[in-house]
Amino acid sequence: MAKTLIFIGIVLIAIGGAWLMAEKLGLGRLPGDIVIERGGVKVYIPVVTSLIISVALSLLFWLFGR
């Protein structure tokens, strides 16, 4: 159980680091991503960013699955 939790922690740290690097490249603020600001509330819905990530992961899984 301990090894599984350590592995999950490392994966989450890697995802967080990748997300920070992606933000520097402009991923996350693309045209088509929806931002709603009302009062003190900000809602962010990354529609286009999610599509791009989905296509990239699908291509990677397809390439490595062959």
N, C-alpha and C. Protein backbone atom coordinates (compact mmCIF):
# COMPACT_ATOMS: atom_id res chain seq x y z
N MET A 1 0.82 -1.19 0.00
CA MET A 1 0.00 0.00 0.00
C MET A 1 0.87 1.26 0.00
N ALA A 2 1.97 1.24 0.76
CA ALA A 2 2.84 2.40 0.85
C ALA A 2 3.47 2.72 -0.51
N LYS A 3 3.89 1.68 -1.23
CA LYS A 3 4.51 1.91 -2.54
C LYS A 3 3.51 2.51 -3.51
N THR A 4 2.26 2.09 -3.43
CA THR A 4 1.22 2.62 -4.31
C THR A 4 0.99 4.10 -4.02
N LEU A 5 0.93 4.48 -2.76
CA LEU A 5 0.73 5.88 -2.39
C LEU A 5 1.91 6.75 -2.82
N ILE A 6 3.11 6.22 -2.69
CA ILE A 6 4.30 6.96 -3.13
C ILE A 6 4.26 7.15 -4.64
N PHE A 7 3.90 6.11 -5.37
CA PHE A 7 3.81 6.19 -6.83
C PHE A 7 2.76 7.22 -7.24
N ILE A 8 1.59 7.19 -6.61
CA ILE A 8 0.53 8.15 -6.93
C ILE A 8 1.01 9.58 -6.65
N GLY A 9 1.73 9.77 -5.55
CA GLY A 9 2.28 11.09 -5.23
C GLY A 9 3.26 11.58 -6.27
N ILE A 10 4.13 10.71 -6.73
CA ILE A 10 5.10 11.09 -7.76
C ILE A 10 4.39 11.43 -9.06
N VAL A 11 3.37 10.67 -9.41
CA VAL A 11 2.61 10.95 -10.63
C VAL A 11 1.92 12.32 -10.52
N LEU A 12 1.34 12.61 -9.37
CA LEU A 12 0.68 13.91 -9.19
C LEU A 12 1.67 15.06 -9.25
N ILE A 13 2.85 14.89 -8.70
CA ILE A 13 3.88 15.93 -8.79
C ILE A 13 4.31 16.14 -10.24
N ALA A 14 4.46 15.06 -11.00
CA ALA A 14 4.84 15.16 -12.41
C ALA A 14 3.76 15.88 -13.21
N ILE A 15 2.50 15.56 -12.94
CA ILE A 15 1.40 16.22 -13.64
C ILE A 15 1.37 17.71 -13.31
N GLY A 16 1.59 18.05 -12.04
CA GLY A 16 1.63 19.46 -11.64
C GLY A 16 2.76 20.21 -12.32
N GLY A 17 3.93 19.61 -12.40
CA GLY A 17 5.06 20.23 -13.07
C GLY A 17 4.81 20.42 -14.56
N ALA A 18 4.21 19.41 -15.17
CA ALA A 18 3.89 19.52 -16.60
C ALA A 18 2.86 20.62 -16.84
N TRP A 19 1.90 20.75 -15.91
CA TRP A 19 0.87 21.77 -16.06
C TRP A 19 1.49 23.17 -15.96
N LEU A 20 2.45 23.36 -15.04
CA LEU A 20 3.12 24.66 -14.90
C LEU A 20 3.91 25.00 -16.17
N MET A 21 4.59 24.01 -16.74
CA MET A 21 5.34 24.26 -17.98
C MET A 21 4.39 24.55 -19.13
N ALA A 22 3.26 23.88 -19.18
CA ALA A 22 2.28 24.09 -20.25
C ALA A 22 1.69 25.50 -20.18
N GLU A 23 1.48 26.02 -18.96
CA GLU A 23 0.96 27.37 -18.82
C GLU A 23 1.93 28.40 -19.37
N LYS A 24 3.23 28.17 -19.22
CA LYS A 24 4.22 29.09 -19.76
C LYS A 24 4.20 29.10 -21.28
N LEU A 25 3.79 27.99 -21.89
CA LEU A 25 3.69 27.90 -23.35
C LEU A 25 2.37 28.46 -23.88
N GLY A 26 1.45 28.84 -22.99
CA GLY A 26 0.17 29.40 -23.40
C GLY A 26 -0.97 28.42 -23.34
N LEU A 27 -0.70 27.18 -23.01
CA LEU A 27 -1.75 26.19 -22.91
C LEU A 27 -2.56 26.48 -21.65
N GLY A 28 -3.84 26.64 -21.78
CA GLY A 28 -4.69 26.96 -20.65
C GLY A 28 -5.37 28.31 -20.81
N ARG A 29 -4.91 29.08 -21.76
CA ARG A 29 -5.53 30.37 -22.05
C ARG A 29 -5.74 30.51 -23.55
N LEU A 30 -6.27 29.49 -24.13
CA LEU A 30 -6.48 29.46 -25.57
C LEU A 30 -7.83 30.08 -25.93
N PRO A 31 -7.96 30.58 -27.17
CA PRO A 31 -9.28 31.03 -27.62
C PRO A 31 -10.24 29.85 -27.59
N GLY A 32 -11.39 30.03 -27.00
CA GLY A 32 -12.36 28.96 -26.87
C GLY A 32 -12.48 28.46 -25.44
N ASP A 33 -11.49 28.78 -24.60
CA ASP A 33 -11.59 28.47 -23.18
C ASP A 33 -12.52 29.52 -22.57
N ILE A 34 -13.42 29.09 -21.73
CA ILE A 34 -14.46 29.96 -21.20
C ILE A 34 -14.06 30.44 -19.80
N VAL A 35 -14.12 31.77 -19.60
CA VAL A 35 -13.85 32.37 -18.29
C VAL A 35 -15.05 33.23 -17.94
N ILE A 36 -15.66 32.96 -16.79
CA ILE A 36 -16.82 33.73 -16.32
C ILE A 36 -16.42 34.38 -14.99
N GLU A 37 -16.48 35.72 -14.95
CA GLU A 37 -16.15 36.45 -13.73
C GLU A 37 -17.37 37.27 -13.30
N ARG A 38 -17.87 36.98 -12.13
CA ARG A 38 -19.01 37.73 -11.59
C ARG A 38 -18.76 37.95 -10.11
N GLY A 39 -18.71 39.20 -9.73
CA GLY A 39 -18.45 39.51 -8.33
C GLY A 39 -17.08 39.00 -7.92
N GLY A 40 -17.01 38.25 -6.86
CA GLY A 40 -15.74 37.70 -6.40
C GLY A 40 -15.51 36.27 -6.85
N VAL A 41 -16.31 35.81 -7.81
CA VAL A 41 -16.23 34.42 -8.26
C VAL A 41 -15.69 34.37 -9.68
N LYS A 42 -14.72 33.49 -9.91
CA LYS A 42 -14.17 33.29 -11.25
C LYS A 42 -14.29 31.80 -11.60
N VAL A 43 -14.99 31.51 -12.69
CA VAL A 43 -15.16 30.14 -13.15
C VAL A 43 -14.41 29.99 -14.46
N TYR A 44 -13.55 28.98 -14.54
CA TYR A 44 -12.74 28.74 -15.72
C TYR A 44 -13.06 27.37 -16.28
N ILE A 45 -13.45 27.33 -17.55
CA ILE A 45 -13.79 26.07 -18.21
C ILE A 45 -12.88 25.92 -19.44
N PRO A 46 -11.84 25.09 -19.35
CA PRO A 46 -10.86 24.97 -20.44
C PRO A 46 -11.31 24.01 -21.55
N VAL A 47 -12.24 24.45 -22.37
CA VAL A 47 -12.80 23.58 -23.41
C VAL A 47 -11.75 23.20 -24.46
N VAL A 48 -11.13 24.19 -25.08
CA VAL A 48 -10.17 23.93 -26.15
C VAL A 48 -8.91 23.27 -25.61
N THR A 49 -8.46 23.70 -24.44
CA THR A 49 -7.29 23.08 -23.83
C THR A 49 -7.54 21.60 -23.58
N SER A 50 -8.73 21.25 -23.09
CA SER A 50 -9.07 19.85 -22.84
C SER A 50 -9.10 19.05 -24.14
N LEU A 51 -9.61 19.65 -25.20
CA LEU A 51 -9.63 18.96 -26.50
C LEU A 51 -8.21 18.68 -27.01
N ILE A 52 -7.33 19.66 -26.88
CA ILE A 52 -5.96 19.48 -27.35
C ILE A 52 -5.24 18.40 -26.54
N ILE A 53 -5.41 18.42 -25.23
CA ILE A 53 -4.79 17.40 -24.38
C ILE A 53 -5.35 16.02 -24.71
N SER A 54 -6.65 15.94 -24.95
CA SER A 54 -7.28 14.66 -25.28
C SER A 54 -6.74 14.10 -26.60
N VAL A 55 -6.61 14.94 -27.60
CA VAL A 55 -6.09 14.49 -28.89
C VAL A 55 -4.64 14.05 -28.75
N ALA A 56 -3.83 14.82 -28.01
CA ALA A 56 -2.42 14.47 -27.83
C ALA A 56 -2.27 13.13 -27.11
N LEU A 57 -3.04 12.93 -26.03
CA LEU A 57 -2.97 11.66 -25.30
C LEU A 57 -3.48 10.50 -26.14
N SER A 58 -4.53 10.72 -26.93
CA SER A 58 -5.04 9.67 -27.81
C SER A 58 -3.99 9.25 -28.82
N LEU A 59 -3.28 10.23 -29.40
CA LEU A 59 -2.22 9.91 -30.35
C LEU A 59 -1.09 9.13 -29.69
N LEU A 60 -0.70 9.56 -28.48
CA LEU A 60 0.37 8.84 -27.78
C LEU A 60 -0.02 7.40 -27.47
N PHE A 61 -1.22 7.21 -26.96
CA PHE A 61 -1.68 5.85 -26.65
C PHE A 61 -1.81 5.01 -27.90
N TRP A 62 -2.23 5.62 -29.01
CA TRP A 62 -2.36 4.89 -30.25
C TRP A 62 -0.99 4.47 -30.78
N LEU A 63 -0.01 5.39 -30.70
CA LEU A 63 1.33 5.07 -31.16
C LEU A 63 2.01 4.00 -30.31
N PHE A 64 1.88 4.09 -29.00
CA PHE A 64 2.51 3.12 -28.12
C PHE A 64 1.74 1.81 -28.06
N GLY A 65 0.49 1.81 -28.46
CA GLY A 65 -0.31 0.60 -28.44
C GLY A 65 -0.13 -0.28 -29.66
N ARG A 66 0.57 0.22 -30.65
CA ARG A 66 0.76 -0.55 -31.89
C ARG A 66 1.84 -1.57 -31.76
